[in-house]
Protein backbone atom coordinates (compact mmCIF):
# COMPACT_ATOMS: atom_id res chain seq x y z
CA MET A 1 -19.67 25.99 -5.57
CA SER A 2 -20.60 23.70 -8.04
CA VAL A 3 -20.09 23.24 -11.68
CA MET A 4 -22.50 21.11 -14.37
CA THR A 5 -21.11 20.14 -17.78
CA ARG A 6 -22.48 18.82 -20.78
CA SER A 7 -19.04 17.93 -22.34
CA ARG A 8 -16.51 14.96 -21.65
CA LYS A 9 -13.88 16.68 -23.46
CA THR A 10 -11.24 19.06 -21.41
CA LEU A 11 -11.81 22.46 -22.41
CA ALA A 12 -8.99 25.09 -23.42
CA GLY A 13 -8.78 28.61 -21.98
CA LEU A 14 -11.48 27.43 -18.95
CA ALA A 15 -12.22 30.77 -16.73
CA LEU A 16 -11.69 30.73 -13.46
CA VAL A 17 -14.45 29.55 -11.26
CA GLY A 18 -16.38 32.54 -9.81
CA ALA A 19 -18.88 33.11 -7.05
CA GLY A 20 -21.70 31.49 -8.34
CA THR A 21 -22.42 28.58 -10.71
CA LEU A 22 -19.80 27.64 -13.42
CA VAL A 23 -21.57 26.13 -16.48
CA LEU A 24 -18.84 24.56 -19.01
CA ALA A 25 -20.68 23.72 -22.59
CA GLY A 26 -18.16 22.21 -24.45
CA CYS A 27 -18.27 20.37 -27.95
CA GLY A 28 -19.44 17.41 -27.92
CA GLY A 29 -15.00 -0.62 1.82
CA GLY A 30 -18.13 -4.57 6.17
CA THR A 31 -16.74 -7.75 5.41
CA GLY A 32 -18.59 -9.26 2.55
CA GLY A 33 -21.90 -11.42 2.51
CA GLU A 34 -24.94 -8.78 3.43
CA PRO A 35 -24.61 -5.19 3.32
CA THR A 36 -22.71 -4.02 6.52
CA GLY A 37 -41.01 17.00 -12.68
CA GLY A 38 -42.83 17.18 -15.46
CA GLY A 39 -41.33 19.31 -18.97
CA GLU A 40 -41.05 18.23 -22.27
CA THR A 41 -43.43 15.49 -23.83
CA SER A 42 -42.74 12.46 -25.77
CA GLU A 43 -42.24 12.11 -29.27
CA SER A 44 -45.35 10.49 -29.89
CA ALA A 45 -47.83 8.94 -27.87
CA SER A 46 -48.59 5.43 -28.06
CA ALA A 47 -51.38 3.21 -27.29
CA PRO A 48 -50.32 1.49 -23.73
CA VAL A 49 -48.39 -1.61 -24.15
CA GLU A 50 -48.75 -5.00 -22.68
CA ALA A 51 -48.11 -6.00 -18.97
CA ARG A 52 -45.14 -6.90 -17.73
CA ASP A 53 -44.00 -9.76 -15.88
CA LEU A 54 -39.98 -9.36 -15.34
CA THR A 55 -37.88 -10.23 -12.27
CA LEU A 56 -34.59 -8.34 -12.65
CA LYS A 57 -31.86 -9.98 -10.53
CA ILE A 58 -29.00 -7.67 -9.29
CA GLY A 59 -25.43 -7.74 -7.50
CA THR A 60 -23.38 -5.37 -5.86
CA ILE A 61 -19.56 -5.32 -5.70
CA LEU A 62 -19.20 -2.22 -3.24
CA PRO A 63 -16.39 -1.72 -0.77
CA GLN A 64 -17.77 -3.55 2.35
CA SER A 65 -13.46 -3.50 3.18
CA GLY A 66 -10.53 -1.93 2.10
CA ALA A 67 -9.15 1.49 1.30
CA LEU A 68 -12.85 3.12 0.41
CA SER A 69 -15.02 0.92 2.66
CA PHE A 70 -15.81 4.36 3.95
CA LEU A 71 -18.30 4.77 0.94
CA GLY A 72 -19.69 1.29 1.33
CA PRO A 73 -23.12 2.26 3.56
CA PRO A 74 -24.34 5.12 1.32
CA GLU A 75 -23.59 3.24 -1.81
CA GLU A 76 -25.03 -0.08 -0.23
CA ALA A 77 -28.02 2.33 1.11
CA GLY A 78 -28.52 3.65 -2.23
CA VAL A 79 -29.00 0.37 -4.10
CA GLY A 80 -31.14 -1.07 -0.82
CA LEU A 81 -33.79 1.82 -1.20
CA ALA A 82 -34.10 2.04 -4.70
CA VAL A 83 -34.90 -1.87 -4.44
CA GLU A 84 -37.28 -0.93 -2.15
CA HIS A 85 -39.52 1.52 -3.89
CA ILE A 86 -39.41 -0.42 -7.45
CA ASN A 87 -40.85 -3.30 -5.17
CA ALA A 88 -43.29 -1.20 -3.60
CA VAL A 89 -44.95 -0.49 -7.05
CA SER A 90 -44.34 -3.91 -8.44
CA GLU A 91 -47.97 -4.96 -8.76
CA THR A 92 -48.29 -1.91 -11.15
CA THR A 93 -45.45 -1.93 -13.44
CA GLY A 94 -45.03 -5.70 -13.14
CA LEU A 95 -41.21 -5.55 -12.29
CA THR A 96 -39.65 -6.96 -9.32
CA ILE A 97 -36.06 -6.94 -8.19
CA PRO A 98 -35.92 -9.73 -5.53
CA ASP A 99 -33.03 -9.83 -2.95
CA VAL A 100 -30.10 -8.17 -3.92
CA VAL A 101 -26.72 -10.35 -4.17
CA TRP A 102 -24.35 -8.17 -1.97
CA GLY A 103 -20.87 -8.62 -2.49
CA ASP A 104 -17.80 -6.75 -1.19
CA SER A 105 -15.36 -5.48 -3.78
CA GLY A 106 -12.60 -4.66 -1.45
CA ASP A 107 -9.42 -2.86 -3.09
CA PRO A 108 -6.42 -3.13 -4.77
CA ALA A 109 -4.76 -4.37 -1.89
CA ASN A 110 -7.10 -7.13 -0.19
CA ASN A 111 -8.78 -8.18 -3.35
CA ALA A 112 -12.09 -8.93 -2.14
CA TRP A 113 -13.34 -8.60 -5.27
CA GLN A 114 -11.64 -12.00 -6.54
CA THR A 115 -14.04 -13.72 -4.72
CA THR A 116 -17.22 -11.48 -5.36
CA ALA A 117 -17.17 -11.14 -9.07
CA PRO A 118 -16.94 -15.32 -9.75
CA ARG A 119 -19.90 -15.44 -7.16
CA LEU A 120 -22.27 -12.84 -8.77
CA ILE A 121 -21.37 -14.26 -12.22
CA SER A 122 -22.46 -17.56 -11.00
CA GLU A 123 -25.65 -16.35 -9.52
CA GLY A 124 -26.73 -15.28 -12.86
CA VAL A 125 -27.23 -11.68 -12.08
CA SER A 126 -28.63 -9.18 -15.30
CA ALA A 127 -26.41 -6.44 -13.76
CA VAL A 128 -23.67 -5.52 -11.01
CA ILE A 129 -23.40 -1.90 -9.26
CA GLY A 130 -20.12 -0.98 -8.79
CA ALA A 131 -17.01 -0.89 -7.80
CA ALA A 132 -16.52 2.44 -6.29
CA SER A 133 -12.96 2.31 -7.29
CA SER A 134 -11.62 2.88 -10.62
CA GLY A 135 -8.54 0.39 -9.90
CA VAL A 136 -10.97 -2.50 -9.00
CA THR A 137 -13.33 -2.38 -11.78
CA LYS A 138 -10.61 -2.76 -14.07
CA LEU A 139 -9.30 -6.04 -12.49
CA PHE A 140 -13.13 -7.27 -13.34
CA LEU A 141 -14.65 -5.44 -15.77
CA ASP A 142 -13.53 -8.00 -18.68
CA ASP A 143 -14.96 -10.77 -17.17
CA MET A 144 -18.24 -9.30 -16.70
CA VAL A 145 -18.04 -8.25 -20.19
CA ALA A 146 -17.23 -11.85 -21.22
CA ALA A 147 -20.21 -13.08 -19.02
CA GLY A 148 -22.50 -10.65 -20.28
CA ILE A 149 -23.27 -8.92 -17.58
CA ILE A 150 -24.00 -4.92 -17.19
CA THR A 151 -21.59 -3.49 -14.81
CA PHE A 152 -23.03 -0.27 -13.47
CA SER A 153 -20.73 2.04 -11.46
CA PRO A 154 -21.79 4.50 -9.42
CA ALA A 155 -18.52 6.08 -8.48
CA ASN A 156 -15.96 5.12 -10.91
CA THR A 157 -14.49 8.66 -12.13
CA SER A 158 -11.14 7.40 -14.38
CA VAL A 159 -11.39 8.57 -18.09
CA ASP A 160 -9.58 5.15 -18.93
CA PHE A 161 -13.39 3.76 -19.17
CA ILE A 162 -14.13 6.05 -22.22
CA GLU A 163 -12.13 4.07 -24.58
CA TRP A 164 -12.56 0.44 -22.86
CA ASP A 165 -13.68 -2.64 -25.34
CA ASP A 166 -16.76 -3.16 -23.09
CA LYS A 167 -19.55 -4.31 -25.47
CA ASP A 168 -21.70 -1.45 -24.36
CA LEU A 169 -22.10 -3.35 -20.71
CA TYR A 170 -20.49 -0.72 -18.51
CA TRP A 171 -22.05 2.28 -17.64
CA ARG A 172 -21.78 4.87 -14.61
CA THR A 173 -23.61 7.65 -12.79
CA ALA A 174 -20.64 9.07 -11.63
CA PRO A 175 -18.86 12.00 -13.91
CA ASN A 176 -15.42 11.00 -15.06
CA ASP A 177 -12.04 12.80 -13.83
CA LEU A 178 -12.08 15.43 -16.98
CA LEU A 179 -14.90 17.39 -14.90
CA GLN A 180 -13.48 17.10 -11.51
CA GLY A 181 -9.77 17.79 -12.11
CA GLU A 182 -11.28 20.76 -14.18
CA VAL A 183 -13.36 22.01 -11.22
CA LEU A 184 -10.43 21.25 -8.62
CA GLY A 185 -7.75 23.32 -11.08
CA ASN A 186 -10.14 26.22 -11.10
CA VAL A 187 -10.87 26.35 -7.38
CA VAL A 188 -7.18 25.79 -5.75
CA ALA A 189 -6.56 28.94 -9.14
CA GLU A 190 -9.36 31.06 -7.87
CA ASP A 191 -8.40 30.55 -4.33
CA GLY A 192 -5.01 32.46 -5.12
CA HIS A 193 -2.59 29.85 -4.95
CA SER A 194 0.36 29.97 -7.55
CA ASN A 195 2.93 27.29 -6.45
CA VAL A 196 1.23 23.94 -5.96
CA ALA A 197 2.20 20.29 -5.05
CA THR A 198 0.31 16.91 -5.61
CA ILE A 199 0.71 13.86 -3.81
CA TYR A 200 -1.51 10.96 -5.80
CA LEU A 201 -2.19 7.20 -5.87
CA ASN A 202 -0.17 5.70 -8.79
CA ASP A 203 -3.46 3.90 -10.19
CA SER A 204 -5.88 5.15 -13.14
CA TYR A 205 -7.85 6.92 -10.76
CA GLY A 206 -4.92 8.83 -8.98
CA THR A 207 -3.05 9.42 -12.27
CA GLY A 208 -6.08 10.55 -14.49
CA LEU A 209 -7.40 13.12 -12.12
CA ASN A 210 -3.62 14.63 -10.69
CA LYS A 211 -3.28 14.68 -14.74
CA VAL A 212 -6.12 16.75 -15.28
CA PHE A 213 -5.87 19.19 -12.68
CA THR A 214 -2.24 20.04 -13.55
CA GLU A 215 -3.14 20.65 -17.06
CA VAL A 216 -5.91 23.21 -15.65
CA PHE A 217 -4.31 24.32 -13.05
CA GLU A 218 -0.89 25.59 -15.26
CA SER A 219 -3.61 26.79 -17.83
CA THR A 220 -4.69 29.41 -15.51
CA GLY A 221 -0.88 30.39 -15.02
CA GLY A 222 -0.01 28.23 -11.98
CA LYS A 223 2.53 26.26 -11.52
CA VAL A 224 2.76 22.49 -9.96
CA VAL A 225 6.18 22.84 -8.33
CA ALA A 226 6.51 18.49 -6.99
CA SER A 227 4.22 15.93 -8.23
CA GLN A 228 4.89 12.85 -5.93
CA SER A 229 3.04 9.11 -6.71
CA TYR A 230 2.44 6.18 -4.19
CA ASN A 231 1.29 2.62 -4.62
CA ALA A 232 -1.48 1.23 -3.46
CA GLY A 233 -0.73 -1.21 -0.11
CA ASP A 234 2.30 1.76 1.05
CA THR A 235 2.30 2.77 4.35
CA THR A 236 5.17 4.82 4.72
CA PHE A 237 5.53 8.25 2.52
CA ASP A 238 8.63 10.06 3.81
CA ALA A 239 9.97 10.46 0.22
CA GLN A 240 7.19 11.86 -1.21
CA ILE A 241 6.43 14.23 1.95
CA SER A 242 10.19 15.48 1.94
CA ALA A 243 10.12 16.07 -1.75
CA VAL A 244 6.98 17.85 -1.57
CA MET A 245 7.95 19.89 1.49
CA ALA A 246 11.25 20.77 0.23
CA SER A 247 9.26 22.52 -3.17
CA ASN A 248 7.79 24.86 -0.77
CA PRO A 249 4.06 24.68 -1.87
CA ASP A 250 1.60 27.27 -1.14
CA ALA A 251 -1.12 24.63 -1.30
CA ILE A 252 -0.84 20.91 -1.58
CA VAL A 253 -3.59 18.51 -3.54
CA LEU A 254 -4.04 15.31 -1.81
CA ILE A 255 -5.25 12.59 -4.31
CA THR A 256 -5.81 9.53 -2.00
CA PHE A 257 -7.81 7.31 -0.12
CA ASP A 258 -7.36 6.44 3.53
CA GLU A 259 -3.68 6.90 3.33
CA VAL A 260 -4.91 10.32 3.91
CA PHE A 261 -4.70 9.94 7.60
CA THR A 262 -1.00 9.21 7.64
CA ILE A 263 -0.01 11.83 4.82
CA ALA A 264 -1.88 15.09 5.99
CA PRO A 265 -0.97 14.76 9.34
CA ALA A 266 2.83 14.18 8.45
CA LEU A 267 2.63 17.48 6.42
CA ILE A 268 1.12 19.28 9.09
CA ASN A 269 3.93 18.29 11.43
CA ALA A 270 6.44 19.24 9.16
CA GLY A 271 5.34 22.81 9.19
CA PHE A 272 2.71 22.68 6.34
CA ASP A 273 -1.04 24.90 7.11
CA GLY A 274 -3.66 22.46 7.21
CA GLY A 275 -5.97 25.21 5.77
CA ASP A 276 -4.55 24.85 2.76
CA PHE A 277 -4.78 21.18 1.78
CA TYR A 278 -7.23 20.10 -1.06
CA PHE A 279 -9.23 16.67 -0.93
CA VAL A 280 -10.91 14.81 -3.32
CA ASP A 281 -13.68 12.58 -3.53
CA GLY A 282 -11.52 9.37 -2.45
CA ASN A 283 -10.64 11.16 0.78
CA LEU A 284 -13.36 13.91 1.54
CA LYS A 285 -13.93 12.89 4.95
CA GLN A 286 -15.50 14.53 8.42
CA PHE A 287 -12.06 13.96 9.92
CA GLY A 288 -13.42 15.74 13.05
CA GLU A 289 -15.70 12.87 13.52
CA ASP A 290 -13.11 9.81 13.13
CA ALA A 291 -11.36 8.71 15.57
CA SER A 292 -8.19 8.08 13.15
CA TRP A 293 -7.52 11.77 12.63
CA PRO A 294 -4.97 13.30 15.36
CA ALA A 295 -6.34 15.30 17.79
CA GLY A 296 -5.10 19.24 17.47
CA LEU A 297 -4.23 19.11 13.96
CA SER A 298 -6.50 21.54 11.95
CA LEU A 299 -7.94 21.83 8.53
CA GLU A 300 -9.69 24.78 8.97
CA GLY A 301 -9.93 26.48 5.65
CA ALA A 302 -9.19 23.37 3.61
CA LYS A 303 -11.33 22.50 0.87
CA GLY A 304 -12.21 19.69 -1.55
CA THR A 305 -14.32 18.62 -4.41
CA THR A 306 -16.37 15.34 -4.90
CA PRO A 307 -19.38 14.58 -8.10
CA ALA A 308 -21.98 15.05 -5.23
CA GLY A 309 -24.79 16.00 -7.65
CA PRO A 310 -27.23 19.00 -6.50
CA ALA A 311 -27.72 20.07 -3.39
CA ALA A 312 -28.72 17.15 -0.90
CA ASP A 313 -32.12 16.20 -0.21
CA GLU A 314 -32.48 15.77 3.39
CA ALA A 315 -35.70 14.13 3.30
CA PHE A 316 -34.24 11.35 0.86
CA GLN A 317 -31.23 11.20 2.72
CA LYS A 318 -32.73 10.87 5.97
CA GLU A 319 -34.79 7.76 4.00
CA ALA A 320 -31.66 6.06 3.22
CA SER A 321 -29.92 6.61 6.70
CA ASP A 322 -33.11 4.91 7.99
CA TRP A 323 -32.85 2.10 5.79
CA TRP A 324 -29.29 1.23 6.39
CA ALA A 325 -29.89 1.65 10.53
CA ALA A 326 -32.50 -1.15 9.86
CA ASN A 327 -30.48 -3.40 7.15
CA GLY A 328 -26.99 -2.87 7.48
CA GLY A 329 -25.96 -0.74 9.94
CA ASN A 330 -26.99 -2.84 13.18
CA GLY A 331 -29.16 0.71 14.11
CA THR A 332 -26.90 3.31 13.15
CA GLY A 333 -27.76 5.65 10.36
CA LEU A 334 -25.62 7.04 8.00
CA THR A 335 -22.69 9.48 8.48
CA GLU A 336 -21.59 9.51 4.98
CA TYR A 337 -23.73 10.23 2.40
CA SER A 338 -21.15 10.38 -0.97
CA TYR A 339 -22.60 8.53 -4.28
CA LEU A 340 -25.87 7.74 -2.31
CA ASN A 341 -27.53 9.48 -5.40
CA GLU A 342 -25.65 7.89 -8.02
CA SER A 343 -26.19 4.24 -6.09
CA TYR A 344 -29.64 4.88 -5.81
CA ASP A 345 -30.28 6.42 -9.68
CA ALA A 346 -28.07 3.22 -11.27
CA VAL A 347 -30.55 0.79 -9.91
CA VAL A 348 -33.61 2.69 -10.82
CA LEU A 349 -32.29 3.31 -14.74
CA LEU A 350 -31.68 -0.42 -14.69
CA ALA A 351 -34.97 -1.35 -13.84
CA LEU A 352 -36.73 1.63 -16.29
CA ALA A 353 -34.44 0.12 -19.22
CA SER A 354 -35.65 -3.22 -18.34
CA LEU A 355 -39.20 -2.18 -18.35
CA ALA A 356 -38.86 -0.12 -21.41
CA ALA A 357 -36.85 -3.29 -23.15
CA ASN A 358 -39.73 -5.75 -21.48
CA SER A 359 -36.75 -8.15 -20.59
CA THR A 360 -34.42 -8.64 -17.98
CA ASP A 361 -31.75 -10.10 -20.43
CA PRO A 362 -28.69 -7.47 -20.51
CA ALA A 363 -28.46 -7.23 -23.93
CA ASP A 364 -31.93 -5.70 -24.25
CA ILE A 365 -31.47 -3.42 -21.51
CA ILE A 366 -28.35 -1.97 -22.86
CA THR A 367 -30.25 -0.79 -25.68
CA LYS A 368 -32.22 1.30 -23.43
CA LEU A 369 -30.19 2.76 -21.01
CA ARG A 370 -29.35 6.14 -23.01
CA GLU A 371 -33.39 6.37 -24.01
CA VAL A 372 -34.60 6.49 -20.23
CA SER A 373 -31.53 8.61 -19.24
CA GLY A 374 -32.52 11.11 -21.99
CA GLY A 375 -29.82 10.59 -23.76
CA GLU A 376 -31.65 9.85 -27.22
CA GLY A 377 -34.87 10.57 -28.26
CA SER A 378 -37.34 13.20 -26.76
CA GLY A 379 -38.69 11.39 -23.80
CA GLU A 380 -41.23 12.93 -21.10
CA LYS A 381 -39.16 14.20 -17.84
CA CYS A 382 -40.28 12.30 -14.92
CA THR A 383 -38.00 12.36 -11.61
CA SER A 384 -39.16 9.01 -9.73
CA TYR A 385 -39.39 5.27 -10.67
CA GLU A 386 -42.87 5.08 -10.42
CA GLU A 387 -43.61 8.26 -12.49
CA CYS A 388 -41.26 7.06 -15.16
CA ALA A 389 -42.56 3.68 -15.03
CA GLU A 390 -46.30 5.07 -15.72
CA ILE A 391 -45.03 6.99 -18.77
CA ILE A 392 -43.74 3.57 -20.29
CA LEU A 393 -46.38 1.52 -19.29
CA GLY A 394 -48.89 4.29 -21.29
CA GLY A 395 -46.86 3.37 -24.41
CA GLY A 396 -44.24 6.90 -23.89
CA VAL A 397 -40.72 7.36 -23.75
CA ALA A 398 -39.26 8.39 -19.90
CA ASP A 399 -36.57 10.58 -19.66
CA TYR A 400 -35.42 10.12 -15.72
CA ASP A 401 -33.52 12.55 -13.82
CA GLY A 402 -32.74 11.78 -10.35
CA PHE A 403 -31.16 12.47 -7.33
CA SER A 404 -27.62 12.72 -8.98
CA GLY A 405 -28.99 14.99 -11.61
CA PRO A 406 -30.24 15.06 -15.16
CA ILE A 407 -27.54 12.12 -15.91
CA THR A 408 -27.94 11.80 -19.82
CA PHE A 409 -25.77 9.04 -20.87
CA ASP A 410 -23.38 9.29 -23.89
CA GLU A 411 -22.51 7.20 -26.26
CA VAL A 412 -19.99 5.48 -24.16
CA GLY A 413 -22.48 5.01 -21.39
CA ASP A 414 -21.07 8.39 -19.33
CA PRO A 415 -23.32 10.85 -17.96
CA THR A 416 -22.86 14.07 -19.96
CA GLU A 417 -24.60 16.43 -17.34
CA ALA A 418 -23.33 16.41 -13.71
CA VAL A 419 -22.68 18.59 -10.79
CA VAL A 420 -19.26 18.54 -8.67
CA GLY A 421 -19.98 20.24 -5.22
CA VAL A 422 -16.79 22.10 -3.44
CA PHE A 423 -16.32 21.79 0.23
CA GLU A 424 -14.99 23.66 2.85
CA TYR A 425 -13.74 22.43 6.35
CA GLY A 426 -14.34 24.41 9.25
CA ALA A 427 -12.61 24.63 12.84
CA ASP A 428 -14.13 21.25 14.09
CA ASN A 429 -12.34 19.89 11.06
CA THR A 430 -16.00 18.49 9.39
CA PHE A 431 -16.81 20.01 5.90
CA THR A 432 -19.82 21.74 4.49
CA ARG A 433 -20.46 22.28 1.10
CA ILE A 434 -20.03 26.03 -0.08
CA ASP A 435 -21.98 25.87 -3.61
CA LEU A 436 -22.81 29.66 -4.29
CA GLY A 437 -25.23 28.90 -7.67
């Protein structure tokens, strides 16, 4: 299943997710250093513009270490492949991205961002791609804003950024948790569960997603019978597990990061059926391929949600995997693809906005980001950097639809069109996408 939305706001009286796609229409992780179609026409045709001569400098603050390090490879591969594609046509477009300033975000426990963020500022980048964790981005975002640098996250989902005083310097290609919470709540209800428990990380990501899930699930007539939080860095969860098991739930939603490798097995060993778990983007993993998952513990039938974008473009995934093997994976390709699309699209959008503004000054780039995403104006649809750049250089307005979807930024830099994928685990404890629409 998948869901697409055009709204940032929670919708009252949501229908349950059915057999197809639900359309919601509303009101309006490495160690640092090097990286571990056509449609509408534009409002008016203009004469070709002057040639560009732009050098756009970007950096990354993505998880090469910490609880989200499994997301680092696909995110860095997305950045690297986008840069490769942009530079491949630089002689035509006049825009080049030199070597990326790679950096580790870590997580709130190891604080790797404390080294990376100042380094990126001192390097004079126009934009940083990251972080993956909303909680980590919160720790450095004000510093980036003060330095006048764009922060562009491919994976932040916290609703807190909607109201952040970011001077229009914060953007993201991942939809906020209002969407994933809606989808998750409806999927759990549609599966027939009525008494559900949650265990969630006590940070902006976990509390926000837990809140939206609870509101949506209970609006369908279900009840959240227990809701237990834990803090980043915790290593024992006996109290949370005891409280949840005492509530006798028929499903458990786990809103965690790598703590899932401790929490989920403990719940199964306490007598809970692993097929009744629901995972989210922070912990949706191929457990059957991970040595950290205990042998013999079954997750068959369990489900998970993540802002996955449209169904995978296999040729694009292979190209990204090959890029990673050659540049960061020491010969090994990608095994995880979460936020690959969003990372790639973030870089392309920055380059297109720079091209449209004929400037690498962040203050100029942000004036064009909504336009090149289709969030304002009536641009001509295009699906690659080269195609969109040709439109811009021809005097037109480009509307980029990328691998993560139409994007279409709103006034606070959030995508207003996005797809959340639903995945199900098989007997081998690996998941497959079950989108039916």
